[in-house]
């Protein structure tokens, strides 16, 4: 059982590395050719995500039953 868990963790870590390297390769391609329509969409998506992450929380949701 523990052997299977170790193997699972190792394969998951390897998959994360492969995905990370593929994303980095795509980012570098887009940085070299920003006029490509596919790359423009990627750049706008990343910028939108960065703006969303840096927003302050201005309000809070109501908690029912409190």
PDB file of N, CA and C in Angstrom:
ATOM      1  N   UNK A   1       0.827  -1.194   0.000  1.00  0.00           N
ATOM      2  CA  UNK A   1       0.000   0.000   0.000  1.00  0.00           C
ATOM      3  C   UNK A   1       0.873   1.261   0.000  1.00  0.00           C
ATOM      4  N   UNK A   2       1.895   1.271   0.873  1.00  0.00           N
ATOM      5  CA  UNK A   2       2.761   2.442   0.939  1.00  0.00           C
ATOM      6  C   UNK A   2       3.609   2.573  -0.316  1.00  0.00           C
ATOM      7  N   UNK A   3       3.966   1.432  -0.902  1.00  0.00           N
ATOM      8  CA  UNK A   3       4.733   1.457  -2.155  1.00  0.00           C
ATOM      9  C   UNK A   3       3.923   2.136  -3.254  1.00  0.00           C
ATOM     10  N   UNK A   4       2.628   1.804  -3.326  1.00  0.00           N
ATOM     11  CA  UNK A   4       1.768   2.384  -4.348  1.00  0.00           C
ATOM     12  C   UNK A   4       1.634   3.888  -4.133  1.00  0.00           C
ATOM     13  N   UNK A   5       1.545   4.307  -2.883  1.00  0.00           N
ATOM     14  CA  UNK A   5       1.414   5.734  -2.573  1.00  0.00           C
ATOM     15  C   UNK A   5       2.692   6.494  -2.979  1.00  0.00           C
ATOM     16  N   UNK A   6       3.844   5.900  -2.688  1.00  0.00           N
ATOM     17  CA  UNK A   6       5.110   6.533  -3.069  1.00  0.00           C
ATOM     18  C   UNK A   6       5.224   6.646  -4.586  1.00  0.00           C
ATOM     19  N   UNK A   7       4.824   5.591  -5.264  1.00  0.00           N
ATOM     20  CA  UNK A   7       4.878   5.604  -6.729  1.00  0.00           C
ATOM     21  C   UNK A   7       3.925   6.647  -7.302  1.00  0.00           C
ATOM     22  N   UNK A   8       2.742   6.752  -6.678  1.00  0.00           N
ATOM     23  CA  UNK A   8       1.766   7.747  -7.116  1.00  0.00           C
ATOM     24  C   UNK A   8       2.324   9.156  -6.934  1.00  0.00           C
ATOM     25  N   UNK A   9       2.914   9.432  -5.787  1.00  0.00           N
ATOM     26  CA  UNK A   9       3.470  10.757  -5.530  1.00  0.00           C
ATOM     27  C   UNK A   9       4.582  11.089  -6.507  1.00  0.00           C
ATOM     28  N   UNK A  10       5.430  10.103  -6.791  1.00  0.00           N
ATOM     29  CA  UNK A  10       6.535  10.326  -7.711  1.00  0.00           C
ATOM     30  C   UNK A  10       6.017  10.629  -9.123  1.00  0.00           C
ATOM     31  N   UNK A  11       5.011   9.881  -9.574  1.00  0.00           N
ATOM     32  CA  UNK A  11       4.467  10.111 -10.918  1.00  0.00           C
ATOM     33  C   UNK A  11       3.733  11.444 -10.983  1.00  0.00           C
ATOM     34  N   UNK A  12       3.062  11.833  -9.894  1.00  0.00           N
ATOM     35  CA  UNK A  12       2.363  13.116  -9.856  1.00  0.00           C
ATOM     36  C   UNK A  12       3.363  14.267  -9.921  1.00  0.00           C
ATOM     37  N   UNK A  13       4.461  14.142  -9.191  1.00  0.00           N
ATOM     38  CA  UNK A  13       5.499  15.164  -9.207  1.00  0.00           C
ATOM     39  C   UNK A  13       6.120  15.281 -10.599  1.00  0.00           C
ATOM     40  N   UNK A  14       6.347  14.148 -11.240  1.00  0.00           N
ATOM     41  CA  UNK A  14       6.903  14.152 -12.589  1.00  0.00           C
ATOM     42  C   UNK A  14       5.935  14.827 -13.570  1.00  0.00           C
ATOM     43  N   UNK A  15       4.647  14.548 -13.426  1.00  0.00           N
ATOM     44  CA  UNK A  15       3.649  15.160 -14.303  1.00  0.00           C
ATOM     45  C   UNK A  15       3.624  16.673 -14.114  1.00  0.00           C
ATOM     46  N   UNK A  16       3.740  17.130 -12.870  1.00  0.00           N
ATOM     47  CA  UNK A  16       3.759  18.569 -12.610  1.00  0.00           C
ATOM     48  C   UNK A  16       4.966  19.226 -13.264  1.00  0.00           C
ATOM     49  N   UNK A  17       6.102  18.555 -13.232  1.00  0.00           N
ATOM     50  CA  UNK A  17       7.304  19.105 -13.865  1.00  0.00           C
ATOM     51  C   UNK A  17       7.125  19.218 -15.370  1.00  0.00           C
ATOM     52  N   UNK A  18       6.544  18.198 -15.975  1.00  0.00           N
ATOM     53  CA  UNK A  18       6.335  18.209 -17.426  1.00  0.00           C
ATOM     54  C   UNK A  18       5.381  19.332 -17.814  1.00  0.00           C
ATOM     55  N   UNK A  19       4.305  19.488 -17.065  1.00  0.00           N
ATOM     56  CA  UNK A  19       3.330  20.542 -17.348  1.00  0.00           C
ATOM     57  C   UNK A  19       3.965  21.914 -17.169  1.00  0.00           C
ATOM     58  N   UNK A  20       4.735  22.068 -16.103  1.00  0.00           N
ATOM     59  CA  UNK A  20       5.394  23.344 -15.838  1.00  0.00           C
ATOM     60  C   UNK A  20       6.359  23.716 -16.955  1.00  0.00           C
ATOM     61  N   UNK A  21       7.129  22.751 -17.414  1.00  0.00           N
ATOM     62  CA  UNK A  21       8.073  23.050 -18.488  1.00  0.00           C
ATOM     63  C   UNK A  21       7.356  23.376 -19.795  1.00  0.00           C
ATOM     64  N   UNK A  22       6.232  22.717 -20.054  1.00  0.00           N
ATOM     65  CA  UNK A  22       5.465  23.013 -21.264  1.00  0.00           C
ATOM     66  C   UNK A  22       4.875  24.421 -21.202  1.00  0.00           C
ATOM     67  N   UNK A  23       4.382  24.808 -20.022  1.00  0.00           N
ATOM     68  CA  UNK A  23       3.832  26.159 -19.867  1.00  0.00           C
ATOM     69  C   UNK A  23       4.917  27.210 -20.041  1.00  0.00           C
ATOM     70  N   UNK A  24       6.082  26.958 -19.479  1.00  0.00           N
ATOM     71  CA  UNK A  24       7.196  27.898 -19.597  1.00  0.00           C
ATOM     72  C   UNK A  24       7.613  28.037 -21.057  1.00  0.00           C
ATOM     73  N   UNK A  25       7.649  26.928 -21.792  1.00  0.00           N
ATOM     74  CA  UNK A  25       8.001  26.965 -23.209  1.00  0.00           C
ATOM     75  C   UNK A  25       6.991  27.809 -23.990  1.00  0.00           C
ATOM     76  N   UNK A  26       5.705  27.641 -23.679  1.00  0.00           N
ATOM     77  CA  UNK A  26       4.650  28.409 -24.352  1.00  0.00           C
ATOM     78  C   UNK A  26       4.772  29.894 -24.025  1.00  0.00           C
ATOM     79  N   UNK A  27       5.085  30.229 -22.762  1.00  0.00           N
ATOM     80  CA  UNK A  27       5.255  31.627 -22.381  1.00  0.00           C
ATOM     81  C   UNK A  27       6.413  32.270 -23.139  1.00  0.00           C
ATOM     82  N   UNK A  28       7.506  31.523 -23.294  1.00  0.00           N
ATOM     83  CA  UNK A  28       8.656  32.059 -24.009  1.00  0.00           C
ATOM     84  C   UNK A  28       8.336  32.271 -25.482  1.00  0.00           C
ATOM     85  N   UNK A  29       7.566  31.359 -26.068  1.00  0.00           N
ATOM     86  CA  UNK A  29       7.163  31.513 -27.467  1.00  0.00           C
ATOM     87  C   UNK A  29       6.311  32.764 -27.636  1.00  0.00           C
ATOM     88  N   UNK A  30       5.399  32.990 -26.698  1.00  0.00           N
ATOM     89  CA  UNK A  30       4.528  34.160 -26.783  1.00  0.00           C
ATOM     90  C   UNK A  30       5.310  35.445 -26.553  1.00  0.00           C
ATOM     91  N   UNK A  31       6.327  35.388 -25.723  1.00  0.00           N
ATOM     92  CA  UNK A  31       7.147  36.579 -25.485  1.00  0.00           C
ATOM     93  C   UNK A  31       7.934  36.940 -26.743  1.00  0.00           C
ATOM     94  N   UNK A  32       8.337  35.951 -27.520  1.00  0.00           N
ATOM     95  CA  UNK A  32       9.097  36.205 -28.735  1.00  0.00           C
ATOM     96  C   UNK A  32       8.226  36.685 -29.888  1.00  0.00           C
ATOM     97  N   UNK A  33       6.949  36.290 -29.914  1.00  0.00           N
ATOM     98  CA  UNK A  33       6.053  36.682 -31.009  1.00  0.00           C
ATOM     99  C   UNK A  33       4.715  37.155 -30.439  1.00  0.00           C
ATOM    100  N   UNK A  34       4.658  38.369 -29.872  1.00  0.00           N
ATOM    101  CA  UNK A  34       3.411  38.844 -29.253  1.00  0.00           C
ATOM    102  C   UNK A  34       2.329  39.225 -30.258  1.00  0.00           C
ATOM    103  N   UNK A  35       2.644  39.291 -31.548  1.00  0.00           N
ATOM    104  CA  UNK A  35       1.643  39.668 -32.545  1.00  0.00           C
ATOM    105  C   UNK A  35       0.783  38.500 -32.999  1.00  0.00           C
ATOM    106  N   UNK A  36       1.158  37.294 -32.648  1.00  0.00           N
ATOM    107  CA  UNK A  36       0.377  36.117 -32.990  1.00  0.00           C
ATOM    108  C   UNK A  36      -0.956  36.171 -32.230  1.00  0.00           C
ATOM    109  N   UNK A  37      -2.066  35.883 -32.912  1.00  0.00           N
ATOM    110  CA  UNK A  37      -3.383  36.019 -32.280  1.00  0.00           C
ATOM    111  C   UNK A  37      -3.550  35.069 -31.091  1.00  0.00           C
ATOM    112  N   UNK A  38      -3.007  33.867 -31.198  1.00  0.00           N
ATOM    113  CA  UNK A  38      -3.104  32.920 -30.089  1.00  0.00           C
ATOM    114  C   UNK A  38      -2.322  33.427 -28.883  1.00  0.00           C
ATOM    115  N   UNK A  39      -1.161  34.003 -29.134  1.00  0.00           N
ATOM    116  CA  UNK A  39      -0.335  34.536 -28.052  1.00  0.00           C
ATOM    117  C   UNK A  39      -0.977  35.771 -27.426  1.00  0.00           C
ATOM    118  N   UNK A  40      -1.635  36.577 -28.232  1.00  0.00           N
ATOM    119  CA  UNK A  40      -2.316  37.748 -27.682  1.00  0.00           C
ATOM    120  C   UNK A  40      -3.397  37.320 -26.705  1.00  0.00           C
ATOM    121  N   UNK A  41      -4.133  36.274 -27.049  1.00  0.00           N
ATOM    122  CA  UNK A  41      -5.167  35.775 -26.139  1.00  0.00           C
ATOM    123  C   UNK A  41      -4.547  35.279 -24.837  1.00  0.00           C
ATOM    124  N   UNK A  42      -3.406  34.591 -24.926  1.00  0.00           N
ATOM    125  CA  UNK A  42      -2.702  34.105 -23.737  1.00  0.00           C
ATOM    126  C   UNK A  42      -2.263  35.273 -22.867  1.00  0.00           C
ATOM    127  N   UNK A  43      -1.705  36.302 -23.496  1.00  0.00           N
ATOM    128  CA  UNK A  43      -1.207  37.461 -22.753  1.00  0.00           C
ATOM    129  C   UNK A  43      -2.352  38.173 -22.055  1.00  0.00           C
ATOM    130  N   UNK A  44      -3.461  38.370 -22.751  1.00  0.00           N
ATOM    131  CA  UNK A  44      -4.615  39.026 -22.135  1.00  0.00           C
ATOM    132  C   UNK A  44      -5.178  38.193 -20.994  1.00  0.00           C
ATOM    133  N   UNK A  45      -5.195  36.878 -21.149  1.00  0.00           N
ATOM    134  CA  UNK A  45      -5.705  35.999 -20.107  1.00  0.00           C
ATOM    135  C   UNK A  45      -4.830  36.076 -18.859  1.00  0.00           C
ATOM    136  N   UNK A  46      -3.506  36.069 -19.059  1.00  0.00           N
ATOM    137  CA  UNK A  46      -2.593  36.161 -17.922  1.00  0.00           C
ATOM    138  C   UNK A  46      -2.711  37.518 -17.230  1.00  0.00           C
ATOM    139  N   UNK A  47      -2.853  38.590 -18.011  1.00  0.00           N
ATOM    140  CA  UNK A  47      -2.989  39.926 -17.426  1.00  0.00           C
ATOM    141  C   UNK A  47      -4.279  40.029 -16.620  1.00  0.00           C
ATOM    142  N   UNK A  48      -5.352  39.474 -17.154  1.00  0.00           N
ATOM    143  CA  UNK A  48      -6.637  39.488 -16.460  1.00  0.00           C
ATOM    144  C   UNK A  48      -6.540  38.721 -15.142  1.00  0.00           C
ATOM    145  N   UNK A  49      -5.844  37.593 -15.160  1.00  0.00           N
ATOM    146  CA  UNK A  49      -5.662  36.795 -13.953  1.00  0.00           C
ATOM    147  C   UNK A  49      -4.824  37.562 -12.927  1.00  0.00           C
ATOM    148  N   UNK A  50      -3.785  38.260 -13.376  1.00  0.00           N
ATOM    149  CA  UNK A  50      -2.947  39.029 -12.460  1.00  0.00           C
ATOM    150  C   UNK A  50      -3.739  40.153 -11.795  1.00  0.00           C
ATOM    151  N   UNK A  51      -4.589  40.826 -12.559  1.00  0.00           N
ATOM    152  CA  UNK A  51      -5.406  41.901 -11.998  1.00  0.00           C
ATOM    153  C   UNK A  51      -6.377  41.327 -10.968  1.00  0.00           C
ATOM    154  N   UNK A  52      -6.966  40.205 -11.273  1.00  0.00           N
ATOM    155  CA  UNK A  52      -7.932  39.585 -10.366  1.00  0.00           C
ATOM    156  C   UNK A  52      -7.276  39.164  -9.056  1.00  0.00           C
ATOM    157  N   UNK A  53      -6.046  38.662  -9.124  1.00  0.00           N
ATOM    158  CA  UNK A  53      -5.337  38.230  -7.921  1.00  0.00           C
ATOM    159  C   UNK A  53      -4.969  39.402  -7.030  1.00  0.00           C
ATOM    160  N   UNK A  54      -4.748  40.571  -7.599  1.00  0.00           N
ATOM    161  CA  UNK A  54      -4.297  41.721  -6.826  1.00  0.00           C
ATOM    162  C   UNK A  54      -5.430  42.606  -6.321  1.00  0.00           C
ATOM    163  N   UNK A  55      -6.680  42.229  -6.560  1.00  0.00           N
ATOM    164  CA  UNK A  55      -7.809  43.023  -6.095  1.00  0.00           C
ATOM    165  C   UNK A  55      -7.985  42.867  -4.592  1.00  0.00           C
ATOM    166  N   UNK A  56      -8.358  43.959  -3.952  1.00  0.00           N
ATOM    167  CA  UNK A  56      -8.662  43.912  -2.529  1.00  0.00           C
ATOM    168  C   UNK A  56     -10.095  43.436  -2.343  1.00  0.00           C
ATOM    169  N   UNK A  57     -10.331  42.759  -1.244  1.00  0.00           N
ATOM    170  CA  UNK A  57     -11.679  42.349  -0.905  1.00  0.00           C
ATOM    171  C   UNK A  57     -12.363  43.534  -0.254  1.00  0.00           C
ATOM    172  N   UNK A  58     -13.443  44.014  -0.873  1.00  0.00           N
ATOM    173  CA  UNK A  58     -14.094  45.220  -0.367  1.00  0.00           C
ATOM    174  C   UNK A  58     -15.314  44.915   0.483  1.00  0.00           C
ATOM    175  N   UNK A  59     -15.909  43.793   0.292  1.00  0.00           N
ATOM    176  CA  UNK A  59     -17.096  43.449   1.053  1.00  0.00           C
ATOM    177  C   UNK A  59     -17.056  42.008   1.488  1.00  0.00           C
ATOM    178  N   UNK A  60     -18.022  41.635   2.273  1.00  0.00           N
ATOM    179  CA  UNK A  60     -18.090  40.239   2.698  1.00  0.00           C
ATOM    180  C   UNK A  60     -19.495  39.708   2.476  1.00  0.00           C
ATOM    181  N   UNK A  61     -19.594  38.437   2.325  1.00  0.00           N
ATOM    182  CA  UNK A  61     -20.894  37.818   2.134  1.00  0.00           C
ATOM    183  C   UNK A  61     -21.605  37.673   3.477  1.00  0.00           C
ATOM    184  N   UNK A  62     -22.906  37.689   3.431  1.00  0.00           N
ATOM    185  CA  UNK A  62     -23.690  37.508   4.655  1.00  0.00           C
ATOM    186  C   UNK A  62     -23.589  36.050   5.109  1.00  0.00           C
ATOM    187  N   UNK A  63     -23.559  35.862   6.389  1.00  0.00           N
ATOM    188  CA  UNK A  63     -23.518  34.515   6.949  1.00  0.00           C
ATOM    189  C   UNK A  63     -24.884  34.262   7.570  1.00  0.00           C
ATOM    190  N   UNK A  64     -25.585  33.299   7.011  1.00  0.00           N
ATOM    191  CA  UNK A  64     -26.918  33.001   7.516  1.00  0.00           C
ATOM    192  C   UNK A  64     -26.828  32.197   8.801  1.00  0.00           C
ATOM    193  N   UNK A  65     -27.733  32.487   9.715  1.00  0.00           N
ATOM    194  CA  UNK A  65     -27.793  31.732  10.953  1.00  0.00           C
ATOM    195  C   UNK A  65     -26.826  32.224  12.006  1.00  0.00           C
ATOM    196  N   UNK A  66     -26.168  33.337  11.744  1.00  0.00           N
ATOM    197  CA  UNK A  66     -25.208  33.823  12.739  1.00  0.00           C
ATOM    198  C   UNK A  66     -25.773  34.994  13.490  1.00  0.00           C
TER     199      UNK A  66
END
